[in-house]
Amino acid sequence: MQHVNLLCAHVNKLGLREFAETFFHVAGITDFQERESSNYPEGHYFVGYHDGAEFTVSLSDESGHEDFSVWVQVTADVSEDGAAESLLNRNVREKLIVAGFRMARMENFGKRGEQRIDYT
């Protein structure tokens, strides 16, 4: 199981629902739903599934990264090291950035040595 953490924003400053719907549409994800949980800011988040990967979209409350208001976590059941990251990198460059999304991949998210890698 591999996880990729992204901090995101959209040029139109969309609310979470509109952001999630637009993100899923651009990424080609048609199977998604809204869920409630007190573990997430504002008590809800969205989850979608595509090609064996789970995409969780929620508001971010990460200090030091206020320019990105949304957190996207991608979880893929792949065994090859870096496979989820490689697939995501290709989709980010080919689809999401072109559609107005700003994104940064987080390595060691929430841990010592955390690093933010902005996609351009």
PDB file of N, CA and C in Angstrom:
ATOM      1  N   MET A   1       0.850  -1.176   0.000  1.00  0.00           N
ATOM      2  CA  MET A   1       0.000   0.000   0.000  1.00  0.00           C
ATOM      3  C   MET A   1       0.897   1.241   0.000  1.00  0.00           C
ATOM      4  N   GLN A   2       0.653   2.150  -0.925  1.00  0.00           N
ATOM      5  CA  GLN A   2       1.419   3.383  -1.001  1.00  0.00           C
ATOM      6  C   GLN A   2       0.491   4.580  -0.835  1.00  0.00           C
ATOM      7  N   HIS A   3       1.023   5.627  -0.206  1.00  0.00           N
ATOM      8  CA  HIS A   3       0.265   6.855   0.027  1.00  0.00           C
ATOM      9  C   HIS A   3       1.024   8.027  -0.577  1.00  0.00           C
ATOM     10  N   VAL A   4       0.288   8.919  -1.212  1.00  0.00           N
ATOM     11  CA  VAL A   4       0.854  10.166  -1.708  1.00  0.00           C
ATOM     12  C   VAL A   4      -0.007  11.277  -1.137  1.00  0.00           C
ATOM     13  N   ASN A   5       0.623  12.252  -0.486  1.00  0.00           N
ATOM     14  CA  ASN A   5      -0.087  13.384   0.110  1.00  0.00           C
ATOM     15  C   ASN A   5       0.141  14.634  -0.717  1.00  0.00           C
ATOM     16  N   LEU A   6      -0.965  15.298  -1.050  1.00  0.00           N
ATOM     17  CA  LEU A   6      -0.909  16.526  -1.826  1.00  0.00           C
ATOM     18  C   LEU A   6      -1.616  17.639  -1.075  1.00  0.00           C
ATOM     19  N   LEU A   7      -1.073  18.831  -1.146  1.00  0.00           N
ATOM     20  CA  LEU A   7      -1.791  20.030  -0.731  1.00  0.00           C
ATOM     21  C   LEU A   7      -2.168  20.740  -2.019  1.00  0.00           C
ATOM     22  N   CYS A   8      -3.401  21.245  -2.089  1.00  0.00           N
ATOM     23  CA  CYS A   8      -3.920  21.754  -3.351  1.00  0.00           C
ATOM     24  C   CYS A   8      -4.713  23.043  -3.176  1.00  0.00           C
ATOM     25  N   ALA A   9      -4.886  23.717  -4.275  1.00  0.00           N
ATOM     26  CA  ALA A   9      -5.759  24.878  -4.384  1.00  0.00           C
ATOM     27  C   ALA A   9      -6.200  24.950  -5.841  1.00  0.00           C
ATOM     28  N   HIS A  10      -7.180  25.779  -6.114  1.00  0.00           N
ATOM     29  CA  HIS A  10      -7.621  26.002  -7.487  1.00  0.00           C
ATOM     30  C   HIS A  10      -7.657  27.498  -7.731  1.00  0.00           C
ATOM     31  N   VAL A  11      -7.359  27.914  -8.941  1.00  0.00           N
ATOM     32  CA  VAL A  11      -7.290  29.341  -9.251  1.00  0.00           C
ATOM     33  C   VAL A  11      -8.593  30.061  -8.978  1.00  0.00           C
ATOM     34  N   ASN A  12      -9.724  29.363  -8.994  1.00  0.00           N
ATOM     35  CA  ASN A  12     -11.016  29.996  -8.751  1.00  0.00           C
ATOM     36  C   ASN A  12     -11.435  29.969  -7.287  1.00  0.00           C
ATOM     37  N   LYS A  13     -10.552  29.522  -6.392  1.00  0.00           N
ATOM     38  CA  LYS A  13     -10.818  29.484  -4.946  1.00  0.00           C
ATOM     39  C   LYS A  13     -12.154  28.817  -4.642  1.00  0.00           C
ATOM     40  N   LEU A  14     -12.315  27.621  -5.132  1.00  0.00           N
ATOM     41  CA  LEU A  14     -13.555  26.870  -4.979  1.00  0.00           C
ATOM     42  C   LEU A  14     -13.738  26.397  -3.547  1.00  0.00           C
ATOM     43  N   GLY A  15     -14.998  26.258  -3.111  1.00  0.00           N
ATOM     44  CA  GLY A  15     -15.281  25.629  -1.829  1.00  0.00           C
ATOM     45  C   GLY A  15     -14.973  24.140  -1.937  1.00  0.00           C
ATOM     46  N   LEU A  16     -14.994  23.428  -0.820  1.00  0.00           N
ATOM     47  CA  LEU A  16     -14.590  22.022  -0.815  1.00  0.00           C
ATOM     48  C   LEU A  16     -15.444  21.185  -1.764  1.00  0.00           C
ATOM     49  N   ARG A  17     -16.741  21.326  -1.728  1.00  0.00           N
ATOM     50  CA  ARG A  17     -17.616  20.515  -2.595  1.00  0.00           C
ATOM     51  C   ARG A  17     -17.296  20.769  -4.074  1.00  0.00           C
ATOM     52  N   GLU A  18     -17.241  22.024  -4.465  1.00  0.00           N
ATOM     53  CA  GLU A  18     -16.961  22.357  -5.861  1.00  0.00           C
ATOM     54  C   GLU A  18     -15.543  21.930  -6.247  1.00  0.00           C
ATOM     55  N   PHE A  19     -14.586  22.116  -5.323  1.00  0.00           N
ATOM     56  CA  PHE A  19     -13.213  21.670  -5.580  1.00  0.00           C
ATOM     57  C   PHE A  19     -13.192  20.164  -5.835  1.00  0.00           C
ATOM     58  N   ALA A  20     -13.817  19.385  -4.937  1.00  0.00           N
ATOM     59  CA  ALA A  20     -13.810  17.928  -5.057  1.00  0.00           C
ATOM     60  C   ALA A  20     -14.470  17.479  -6.356  1.00  0.00           C
ATOM     61  N   GLU A  21     -15.628  18.032  -6.660  1.00  0.00           N
ATOM     62  CA  GLU A  21     -16.325  17.645  -7.888  1.00  0.00           C
ATOM     63  C   GLU A  21     -15.485  17.959  -9.124  1.00  0.00           C
ATOM     64  N   THR A  22     -14.841  19.117  -9.146  1.00  0.00           N
ATOM     65  CA  THR A  22     -13.993  19.504 -10.273  1.00  0.00           C
ATOM     66  C   THR A  22     -12.750  18.631 -10.341  1.00  0.00           C
ATOM     67  N   PHE A  23     -12.125  18.386  -9.192  1.00  0.00           N
ATOM     68  CA  PHE A  23     -10.938  17.530  -9.129  1.00  0.00           C
ATOM     69  C   PHE A  23     -11.262  16.140  -9.674  1.00  0.00           C
ATOM     70  N   PHE A  24     -12.340  15.534  -9.184  1.00  0.00           N
ATOM     71  CA  PHE A  24     -12.708  14.196  -9.622  1.00  0.00           C
ATOM     72  C   PHE A  24     -13.034  14.169 -11.121  1.00  0.00           C
ATOM     73  N   HIS A  25     -13.746  15.178 -11.589  1.00  0.00           N
ATOM     74  CA  HIS A  25     -14.098  15.230 -13.010  1.00  0.00           C
ATOM     75  C   HIS A  25     -12.846  15.295 -13.880  1.00  0.00           C
ATOM     76  N   VAL A  26     -11.937  16.209 -13.567  1.00  0.00           N
ATOM     77  CA  VAL A  26     -10.717  16.384 -14.359  1.00  0.00           C
ATOM     78  C   VAL A  26      -9.847  15.134 -14.303  1.00  0.00           C
ATOM     79  N   ALA A  27      -9.784  14.488 -13.141  1.00  0.00           N
ATOM     80  CA  ALA A  27      -8.966  13.281 -12.981  1.00  0.00           C
ATOM     81  C   ALA A  27      -9.639  12.037 -13.559  1.00  0.00           C
ATOM     82  N   GLY A  28     -10.866  12.171 -14.061  1.00  0.00           N
ATOM     83  CA  GLY A  28     -11.568  11.029 -14.651  1.00  0.00           C
ATOM     84  C   GLY A  28     -12.154  10.079 -13.632  1.00  0.00           C
ATOM     85  N   ILE A  29     -12.429  10.583 -12.430  1.00  0.00           N
ATOM     86  CA  ILE A  29     -12.978   9.766 -11.350  1.00  0.00           C
ATOM     87  C   ILE A  29     -14.487   9.988 -11.294  1.00  0.00           C
ATOM     88  N   THR A  30     -15.248   8.945 -11.608  1.00  0.00           N
ATOM     89  CA  THR A  30     -16.707   9.066 -11.621  1.00  0.00           C
ATOM     90  C   THR A  30     -17.352   8.449 -10.381  1.00  0.00           C
ATOM     91  N   ASP A  31     -16.612   7.613  -9.683  1.00  0.00           N
ATOM     92  CA  ASP A  31     -17.123   6.933  -8.488  1.00  0.00           C
ATOM     93  C   ASP A  31     -16.632   7.673  -7.246  1.00  0.00           C
ATOM     94  N   PHE A  32     -17.452   8.624  -6.746  1.00  0.00           N
ATOM     95  CA  PHE A  32     -17.061   9.361  -5.540  1.00  0.00           C
ATOM     96  C   PHE A  32     -18.296   9.698  -4.712  1.00  0.00           C
ATOM     97  N   GLN A  33     -18.040  10.018  -3.437  1.00  0.00           N
ATOM     98  CA  GLN A  33     -19.128  10.342  -2.517  1.00  0.00           C
ATOM     99  C   GLN A  33     -18.637  11.258  -1.403  1.00  0.00           C
ATOM    100  N   GLU A  34     -19.572  11.960  -0.807  1.00  0.00           N
ATOM    101  CA  GLU A  34     -19.273  12.791   0.354  1.00  0.00           C
ATOM    102  C   GLU A  34     -19.519  11.960   1.602  1.00  0.00           C
ATOM    103  N   ARG A  35     -18.637  12.133   2.584  1.00  0.00           N
ATOM    104  CA  ARG A  35     -18.778  11.425   3.857  1.00  0.00           C
ATOM    105  C   ARG A  35     -18.649  12.420   5.003  1.00  0.00           C
ATOM    106  N   GLU A  36     -19.237  12.061   6.127  1.00  0.00           N
ATOM    107  CA  GLU A  36     -19.144  12.887   7.330  1.00  0.00           C
ATOM    108  C   GLU A  36     -18.188  12.248   8.319  1.00  0.00           C
ATOM    109  N   SER A  37     -17.397  13.080   8.984  1.00  0.00           N
ATOM    110  CA  SER A  37     -16.493  12.606  10.029  1.00  0.00           C
ATOM    111  C   SER A  37     -16.005  13.802  10.829  1.00  0.00           C
ATOM    112  N   SER A  38     -16.041  13.681  12.132  1.00  0.00           N
ATOM    113  CA  SER A  38     -15.551  14.767  12.991  1.00  0.00           C
ATOM    114  C   SER A  38     -14.029  14.860  12.965  1.00  0.00           C
ATOM    115  N   ASN A  39     -13.363  13.910  12.321  1.00  0.00           N
ATOM    116  CA  ASN A  39     -11.905  13.939  12.210  1.00  0.00           C
ATOM    117  C   ASN A  39     -11.416  14.910  11.146  1.00  0.00           C
ATOM    118  N   TYR A  40     -12.326  15.470  10.357  1.00  0.00           N
ATOM    119  CA  TYR A  40     -11.960  16.368   9.266  1.00  0.00           C
ATOM    120  C   TYR A  40     -12.484  17.775   9.545  1.00  0.00           C
ATOM    121  N   PRO A  41     -11.752  18.819   9.107  1.00  0.00           N
ATOM    122  CA  PRO A  41     -12.252  20.186   9.252  1.00  0.00           C
ATOM    123  C   PRO A  41     -13.638  20.309   8.616  1.00  0.00           C
ATOM    124  N   GLU A  42     -14.506  21.013   9.265  1.00  0.00           N
ATOM    125  CA  GLU A  42     -15.901  21.222   8.868  1.00  0.00           C
ATOM    126  C   GLU A  42     -16.724  19.936   8.861  1.00  0.00           C
ATOM    127  N   GLY A  43     -16.154  18.812   9.336  1.00  0.00           N
ATOM    128  CA  GLY A  43     -16.914  17.596   9.562  1.00  0.00           C
ATOM    129  C   GLY A  43     -17.260  16.758   8.349  1.00  0.00           C
ATOM    130  N   HIS A  44     -16.645  17.046   7.209  1.00  0.00           N
ATOM    131  CA  HIS A  44     -16.936  16.216   6.042  1.00  0.00           C
ATOM    132  C   HIS A  44     -15.741  16.192   5.102  1.00  0.00           C
ATOM    133  N   TYR A  45     -15.761  15.190   4.196  1.00  0.00           N
ATOM    134  CA  TYR A  45     -14.718  15.027   3.191  1.00  0.00           C
ATOM    135  C   TYR A  45     -15.314  14.249   2.026  1.00  0.00           C
ATOM    136  N   PHE A  46     -14.550  14.111   0.970  1.00  0.00           N
ATOM    137  CA  PHE A  46     -14.999  13.375  -0.208  1.00  0.00           C
ATOM    138  C   PHE A  46     -14.009  12.256  -0.482  1.00  0.00           C
ATOM    139  N   VAL A  47     -14.511  11.148  -0.995  1.00  0.00           N
ATOM    140  CA  VAL A  47     -13.644  10.031  -1.350  1.00  0.00           C
ATOM    141  C   VAL A  47     -14.082   9.497  -2.713  1.00  0.00           C
ATOM    142  N   GLY A  48     -13.074   9.218  -3.554  1.00  0.00           N
ATOM    143  CA  GLY A  48     -13.339   8.686  -4.889  1.00  0.00           C
ATOM    144  C   GLY A  48     -12.394   7.548  -5.189  1.00  0.00           C
ATOM    145  N   TYR A  49     -12.778   6.718  -6.153  1.00  0.00           N
ATOM    146  CA  TYR A  49     -12.000   5.530  -6.497  1.00  0.00           C
ATOM    147  C   TYR A  49     -11.760   5.495  -7.997  1.00  0.00           C
ATOM    148  N   HIS A  50     -10.525   5.147  -8.376  1.00  0.00           N
ATOM    149  CA  HIS A  50     -10.182   5.060  -9.799  1.00  0.00           C
ATOM    150  C   HIS A  50      -8.949   4.191  -9.974  1.00  0.00           C
ATOM    151  N   ASP A  51      -9.034   3.208 -10.845  1.00  0.00           N
ATOM    152  CA  ASP A  51      -7.903   2.325 -11.175  1.00  0.00           C
ATOM    153  C   ASP A  51      -7.215   1.748  -9.941  1.00  0.00           C
ATOM    154  N   GLY A  52      -7.996   1.296  -8.981  1.00  0.00           N
ATOM    155  CA  GLY A  52      -7.437   0.672  -7.786  1.00  0.00           C
ATOM    156  C   GLY A  52      -6.880   1.639  -6.762  1.00  0.00           C
ATOM    157  N   ALA A  53      -7.080   2.928  -6.969  1.00  0.00           N
ATOM    158  CA  ALA A  53      -6.591   3.934  -6.020  1.00  0.00           C
ATOM    159  C   ALA A  53      -7.770   4.632  -5.350  1.00  0.00           C
ATOM    160  N   GLU A  54      -7.559   5.039  -4.103  1.00  0.00           N
ATOM    161  CA  GLU A  54      -8.555   5.802  -3.352  1.00  0.00           C
ATOM    162  C   GLU A  54      -8.048   7.232  -3.211  1.00  0.00           C
ATOM    163  N   PHE A  55      -8.899   8.210  -3.521  1.00  0.00           N
ATOM    164  CA  PHE A  55      -8.574   9.623  -3.432  1.00  0.00           C
ATOM    165  C   PHE A  55      -9.446  10.252  -2.350  1.00  0.00           C
ATOM    166  N   THR A  56      -8.832  10.761  -1.299  1.00  0.00           N
ATOM    167  CA  THR A  56      -9.558  11.433  -0.223  1.00  0.00           C
ATOM    168  C   THR A  56      -9.291  12.926  -0.336  1.00  0.00           C
ATOM    169  N   VAL A  57     -10.365  13.721  -0.411  1.00  0.00           N
ATOM    170  CA  VAL A  57     -10.272  15.165  -0.587  1.00  0.00           C
ATOM    171  C   VAL A  57     -10.922  15.833   0.623  1.00  0.00           C
ATOM    172  N   SER A  58     -10.155  16.659   1.335  1.00  0.00           N
ATOM    173  CA  SER A  58     -10.678  17.342   2.519  1.00  0.00           C
ATOM    174  C   SER A  58     -10.027  18.713   2.653  1.00  0.00           C
ATOM    175  N   LEU A  59     -10.599  19.523   3.516  1.00  0.00           N
ATOM    176  CA  LEU A  59      -9.968  20.804   3.807  1.00  0.00           C
ATOM    177  C   LEU A  59      -8.686  20.562   4.593  1.00  0.00           C
ATOM    178  N   SER A  60      -7.726  21.417   4.380  1.00  0.00           N
ATOM    179  CA  SER A  60      -6.453  21.306   5.088  1.00  0.00           C
ATOM    180  C   SER A  60      -6.385  22.386   6.161  1.00  0.00           C
ATOM    181  N   ASP A  61      -5.841  22.006   7.307  1.00  0.00           N
ATOM    182  CA  ASP A  61      -5.606  22.989   8.364  1.00  0.00           C
ATOM    183  C   ASP A  61      -4.126  22.977   8.743  1.00  0.00           C
ATOM    184  N   GLU A  62      -3.277  22.657   7.766  1.00  0.00           N
ATOM    185  CA  GLU A  62      -1.840  22.566   7.994  1.00  0.00           C
ATOM    186  C   GLU A  62      -1.231  23.953   8.104  1.00  0.00           C
ATOM    187  N   SER A  63      -0.646  24.278   9.246  1.00  0.00           N
ATOM    188  CA  SER A  63       0.023  25.561   9.402  1.00  0.00           C
ATOM    189  C   SER A  63       1.298  25.562   8.569  1.00  0.00           C
ATOM    190  N   GLY A  64       1.616  26.713   8.029  1.00  0.00           N
ATOM    191  CA  GLY A  64       2.785  26.851   7.176  1.00  0.00           C
ATOM    192  C   GLY A  64       2.489  26.592   5.712  1.00  0.00           C
ATOM    193  N   HIS A  65       1.269  26.155   5.412  1.00  0.00           N
ATOM    194  CA  HIS A  65       0.887  25.864   4.026  1.00  0.00           C
ATOM    195  C   HIS A  65      -0.487  26.470   3.727  1.00  0.00           C
ATOM    196  N   GLU A  66      -0.733  27.670   4.225  1.00  0.00           N
ATOM    197  CA  GLU A  66      -2.047  28.295   4.092  1.00  0.00           C
ATOM    198  C   GLU A  66      -2.418  28.613   2.651  1.00  0.00           C
ATOM    199  N   ASP A  67      -1.431  28.630   1.742  1.00  0.00           N
ATOM    200  CA  ASP A  67      -1.718  28.914   0.338  1.00  0.00           C
ATOM    201  C   ASP A  67      -2.392  27.729  -0.356  1.00  0.00           C
ATOM    202  N   PHE A  68      -2.430  26.592   0.295  1.00  0.00           N
ATOM    203  CA  PHE A  68      -3.123  25.412  -0.225  1.00  0.00           C
ATOM    204  C   PHE A  68      -4.189  25.005   0.790  1.00  0.00           C
ATOM    205  N   SER A  69      -5.457  25.168   0.421  1.00  0.00           N
ATOM    206  CA  SER A  69      -6.543  24.964   1.377  1.00  0.00           C
ATOM    207  C   SER A  69      -7.122  23.548   1.377  1.00  0.00           C
ATOM    208  N   VAL A  70      -6.680  22.704   0.456  1.00  0.00           N
ATOM    209  CA  VAL A  70      -7.255  21.366   0.337  1.00  0.00           C
ATOM    210  C   VAL A  70      -6.147  20.318   0.408  1.00  0.00           C
ATOM    211  N   TRP A  71      -6.449  19.231   1.101  1.00  0.00           N
ATOM    212  CA  TRP A  71      -5.539  18.108   1.225  1.00  0.00           C
ATOM    213  C   TRP A  71      -6.120  16.956   0.415  1.00  0.00           C
ATOM    214  N   VAL A  72      -5.304  16.358  -0.453  1.00  0.00           N
ATOM    215  CA  VAL A  72      -5.702  15.178  -1.220  1.00  0.00           C
ATOM    216  C   VAL A  72      -4.724  14.064  -0.869  1.00  0.00           C
ATOM    217  N   GLN A  73      -5.262  12.961  -0.367  1.00  0.00           N
ATOM    218  CA  GLN A  73      -4.424  11.801  -0.093  1.00  0.00           C
ATOM    219  C   GLN A  73      -4.804  10.707  -1.080  1.00  0.00           C
ATOM    220  N   VAL A  74      -3.785  10.176  -1.750  1.00  0.00           N
ATOM    221  CA  VAL A  74      -3.988   9.098  -2.707  1.00  0.00           C
ATOM    222  C   VAL A  74      -3.409   7.829  -2.098  1.00  0.00           C
ATOM    223  N   THR A  75      -4.233   6.789  -2.023  1.00  0.00           N
ATOM    224  CA  THR A  75      -3.802   5.499  -1.492  1.00  0.00           C
ATOM    225  C   THR A  75      -3.980   4.471  -2.596  1.00  0.00           C
ATOM    226  N   ALA A  76      -2.876   3.811  -2.949  1.00  0.00           N
ATOM    227  CA  ALA A  76      -2.932   2.816  -4.029  1.00  0.00           C
ATOM    228  C   ALA A  76      -2.350   1.498  -3.550  1.00  0.00           C
ATOM    229  N   ASP A  77      -2.987   0.432  -3.940  1.00  0.00           N
ATOM    230  CA  ASP A  77      -2.520  -0.903  -3.588  1.00  0.00           C
ATOM    231  C   ASP A  77      -1.566  -1.381  -4.676  1.00  0.00           C
ATOM    232  N   VAL A  78      -0.350  -0.850  -4.641  1.00  0.00           N
ATOM    233  CA  VAL A  78       0.689  -1.215  -5.601  1.00  0.00           C
ATOM    234  C   VAL A  78       1.928  -1.636  -4.833  1.00  0.00           C
ATOM    235  N   SER A  79       2.685  -2.529  -5.427  1.00  0.00           N
ATOM    236  CA  SER A  79       3.860  -3.044  -4.717  1.00  0.00           C
ATOM    237  C   SER A  79       5.158  -2.400  -5.177  1.00  0.00           C
ATOM    238  N   GLU A  80       5.212  -1.962  -6.410  1.00  0.00           N
ATOM    239  CA  GLU A  80       6.442  -1.368  -6.938  1.00  0.00           C
ATOM    240  C   GLU A  80       6.682  -0.003  -6.313  1.00  0.00           C
ATOM    241  N   ASP A  81       7.865   0.195  -5.717  1.00  0.00           N
ATOM    242  CA  ASP A  81       8.189   1.473  -5.093  1.00  0.00           C
ATOM    243  C   ASP A  81       8.026   2.625  -6.075  1.00  0.00           C
ATOM    244  N   GLY A  82       7.317   3.654  -5.647  1.00  0.00           N
ATOM    245  CA  GLY A  82       7.149   4.854  -6.455  1.00  0.00           C
ATOM    246  C   GLY A  82       6.091   4.755  -7.534  1.00  0.00           C
ATOM    247  N   ALA A  83       5.392   3.630  -7.657  1.00  0.00           N
ATOM    248  CA  ALA A  83       4.407   3.461  -8.726  1.00  0.00           C
ATOM    249  C   ALA A  83       3.249   4.450  -8.582  1.00  0.00           C
ATOM    250  N   ALA A  84       2.734   4.622  -7.384  1.00  0.00           N
ATOM    251  CA  ALA A  84       1.624   5.553  -7.165  1.00  0.00           C
ATOM    252  C   ALA A  84       2.065   6.982  -7.448  1.00  0.00           C
ATOM    253  N   GLU A  85       3.246   7.318  -7.019  1.00  0.00           N
ATOM    254  CA  GLU A  85       3.791   8.654  -7.237  1.00  0.00           C
ATOM    255  C   GLU A  85       3.984   8.923  -8.734  1.00  0.00           C
ATOM    256  N   SER A  86       4.492   7.958  -9.459  1.00  0.00           N
ATOM    257  CA  SER A  86       4.723   8.099 -10.892  1.00  0.00           C
ATOM    258  C   SER A  86       3.416   8.328 -11.646  1.00  0.00           C
ATOM    259  N   LEU A  87       2.401   7.537 -11.329  1.00  0.00           N
ATOM    260  CA  LEU A  87       1.090   7.692 -11.957  1.00  0.00           C
ATOM    261  C   LEU A  87       0.506   9.054 -11.634  1.00  0.00           C
ATOM    262  N   LEU A  88       0.598   9.450 -10.391  1.00  0.00           N
ATOM    263  CA  LEU A  88       0.064  10.738  -9.973  1.00  0.00           C
ATOM    264  C   LEU A  88       0.817  11.886 -10.642  1.00  0.00           C
ATOM    265  N   ASN A  89       2.128  11.808 -10.692  1.00  0.00           N
ATOM    266  CA  ASN A  89       2.927  12.858 -11.332  1.00  0.00           C
ATOM    267  C   ASN A  89       2.477  13.067 -12.777  1.00  0.00           C
ATOM    268  N   ARG A  90       2.247  11.984 -13.500  1.00  0.00           N
ATOM    269  CA  ARG A  90       1.823  12.067 -14.887  1.00  0.00           C
ATOM    270  C   ARG A  90       0.439  12.719 -14.976  1.00  0.00           C
ATOM    271  N   ASN A  91      -0.501  12.293 -14.137  1.00  0.00           N
ATOM    272  CA  ASN A  91      -1.848  12.873 -14.156  1.00  0.00           C
ATOM    273  C   ASN A  91      -1.850  14.339 -13.753  1.00  0.00           C
ATOM    274  N   VAL A  92      -1.026  14.690 -12.778  1.00  0.00           N
ATOM    275  CA  VAL A  92      -0.959  16.082 -12.335  1.00  0.00           C
ATOM    276  C   VAL A  92      -0.511  16.964 -13.481  1.00  0.00           C
ATOM    277  N   ARG A  93       0.556  16.565 -14.122  1.00  0.00           N
ATOM    278  CA  ARG A  93       1.088  17.387 -15.208  1.00  0.00           C
ATOM    279  C   ARG A  93       0.156  17.417 -16.419  1.00  0.00           C
ATOM    280  N   GLU A  94      -0.431  16.282 -16.753  1.00  0.00           N
ATOM    281  CA  GLU A  94      -1.238  16.194 -17.964  1.00  0.00           C
ATOM    282  C   GLU A  94      -2.636  16.767 -17.817  1.00  0.00           C
ATOM    283  N   LYS A  95      -3.215  16.678 -16.657  1.00  0.00           N
ATOM    284  CA  LYS A  95      -4.624  17.046 -16.512  1.00  0.00           C
ATOM    285  C   LYS A  95      -4.882  18.160 -15.507  1.00  0.00           C
ATOM    286  N   LEU A  96      -4.453  17.973 -14.277  1.00  0.00           N
ATOM    287  CA  LEU A  96      -4.894  18.846 -13.190  1.00  0.00           C
ATOM    288  C   LEU A  96      -4.309  20.251 -13.264  1.00  0.00           C
ATOM    289  N   ILE A  97      -3.020  20.376 -13.492  1.00  0.00           N
ATOM    290  CA  ILE A  97      -2.414  21.712 -13.551  1.00  0.00           C
ATOM    291  C   ILE A  97      -2.977  22.503 -14.727  1.00  0.00           C
ATOM    292  N   VAL A  98      -3.174  21.843 -15.859  1.00  0.00           N
ATOM    293  CA  VAL A  98      -3.740  22.495 -17.037  1.00  0.00           C
ATOM    294  C   VAL A  98      -5.144  23.037 -16.733  1.00  0.00           C
ATOM    295  N   ALA A  99      -5.872  22.362 -15.835  1.00  0.00           N
ATOM    296  CA  ALA A  99      -7.244  22.748 -15.493  1.00  0.00           C
ATOM    297  C   ALA A  99      -7.311  23.790 -14.380  1.00  0.00           C
ATOM    298  N   GLY A 100      -6.168  24.356 -13.974  1.00  0.00           N
ATOM    299  CA  GLY A 100      -6.176  25.436 -12.987  1.00  0.00           C
ATOM    300  C   GLY A 100      -5.886  25.030 -11.559  1.00  0.00           C
ATOM    301  N   PHE A 101      -5.522  23.779 -11.335  1.00  0.00           N
ATOM    302  CA  PHE A 101      -5.175  23.338  -9.988  1.00  0.00           C
ATOM    303  C   PHE A 101      -3.714  23.671  -9.695  1.00  0.00           C
ATOM    304  N   ARG A 102      -3.451  24.116  -8.477  1.00  0.00           N
ATOM    305  CA  ARG A 102      -2.084  24.286  -7.976  1.00  0.00           C
ATOM    306  C   ARG A 102      -1.884  23.178  -6.955  1.00  0.00           C
ATOM    307  N   MET A 103      -0.722  22.520  -7.030  1.00  0.00           N
ATOM    308  CA  MET A 103      -0.530  21.349  -6.179  1.00  0.00           C
ATOM    309  C   MET A 103       0.908  21.254  -5.693  1.00  0.00           C
ATOM    310  N   ALA A 104       1.043  20.660  -4.513  1.00  0.00           N
ATOM    311  CA  ALA A 104       2.360  20.375  -3.948  1.00  0.00           C
ATOM    312  C   ALA A 104       2.311  18.993  -3.321  1.00  0.00           C
ATOM    313  N   ARG A 105       3.293  18.162  -3.653  1.00  0.00           N
ATOM    314  CA  ARG A 105       3.401  16.834  -3.038  1.00  0.00           C
ATOM    315  C   ARG A 105       4.186  16.981  -1.750  1.00  0.00           C
ATOM    316  N   MET A 106       3.697  16.322  -0.702  1.00  0.00           N
ATOM    317  CA  MET A 106       4.344  16.391   0.600  1.00  0.00           C
ATOM    318  C   MET A 106       5.054  15.066   0.875  1.00  0.00           C
ATOM    319  N   GLU A 107       6.336  15.150   1.147  1.00  0.00           N
ATOM    320  CA  GLU A 107       7.095  13.975   1.566  1.00  0.00           C
ATOM    321  C   GLU A 107       7.299  14.059   3.065  1.00  0.00           C
ATOM    322  N   ASN A 108       7.211  12.928   3.748  1.00  0.00           N
ATOM    323  CA  ASN A 108       7.315  12.861   5.214  1.00  0.00           C
ATOM    324  C   ASN A 108       6.296  13.791   5.863  1.00  0.00           C
ATOM    325  N   PHE A 109       5.079  13.752   5.359  1.00  0.00           N
ATOM    326  CA  PHE A 109       4.021  14.650   5.799  1.00  0.00           C
ATOM    327  C   PHE A 109       3.813  14.553   7.306  1.00  0.00           C
ATOM    328  N   GLY A 110       3.920  15.676   8.006  1.00  0.00           N
ATOM    329  CA  GLY A 110       3.702  15.735   9.442  1.00  0.00           C
ATOM    330  C   GLY A 110       4.832  15.164  10.277  1.00  0.00           C
ATOM    331  N   LYS A 111       5.960  14.895   9.646  1.00  0.00           N
ATOM    332  CA  LYS A 111       7.088  14.295  10.355  1.00  0.00           C
ATOM    333  C   LYS A 111       8.324  15.175  10.222  1.00  0.00           C
ATOM    334  N   ARG A 112       9.321  14.856  11.007  1.00  0.00           N
ATOM    335  CA  ARG A 112      10.602  15.539  10.876  1.00  0.00           C
ATOM    336  C   ARG A 112      11.110  15.299   9.457  1.00  0.00           C
ATOM    337  N   GLY A 113      11.652  16.328   8.850  1.00  0.00           N
ATOM    338  CA  GLY A 113      12.146  16.204   7.490  1.00  0.00           C
ATOM    339  C   GLY A 113      11.065  16.384   6.444  1.00  0.00           C
ATOM    340  N   GLU A 114       9.893  16.902   6.852  1.00  0.00           N
ATOM    341  CA  GLU A 114       8.812  17.155   5.892  1.00  0.00           C
ATOM    342  C   GLU A 114       9.332  18.044   4.774  1.00  0.00           C
ATOM    343  N   GLN A 115       8.956  17.707   3.540  1.00  0.00           N
ATOM    344  CA  GLN A 115       9.393  18.485   2.398  1.00  0.00           C
ATOM    345  C   GLN A 115       8.217  18.701   1.471  1.00  0.00           C
ATOM    346  N   ARG A 116       8.068  19.913   1.000  1.00  0.00           N
ATOM    347  CA  ARG A 116       7.006  20.274   0.070  1.00  0.00           C
ATOM    348  C   ARG A 116       7.619  20.444  -1.318  1.00  0.00           C
ATOM    349  N   ILE A 117       7.052  19.730  -2.298  1.00  0.00           N
ATOM    350  CA  ILE A 117       7.545  19.793  -3.665  1.00  0.00           C
ATOM    351  C   ILE A 117       6.414  20.340  -4.527  1.00  0.00           C
ATOM    352  N   ASP A 118       6.527  21.605  -4.916  1.00  0.00           N
ATOM    353  CA  ASP A 118       5.487  22.247  -5.705  1.00  0.00           C
ATOM    354  C   ASP A 118       5.550  21.788  -7.148  1.00  0.00           C
ATOM    355  N   TYR A 119       4.373  21.453  -7.727  1.00  0.00           N
ATOM    356  CA  TYR A 119       4.293  21.117  -9.140  1.00  0.00           C
ATOM    357  C   TYR A 119       4.164  22.433  -9.916  1.00  0.00           C
ATOM    358  N   THR A 120       4.883  22.530 -10.993  1.00  0.00           N
ATOM    359  CA  THR A 120       4.798  23.739 -11.826  1.00  0.00           C
ATOM    360  C   THR A 120       4.558  23.381 -13.265  1.00  0.00           C
TER     361      THR A 120
END
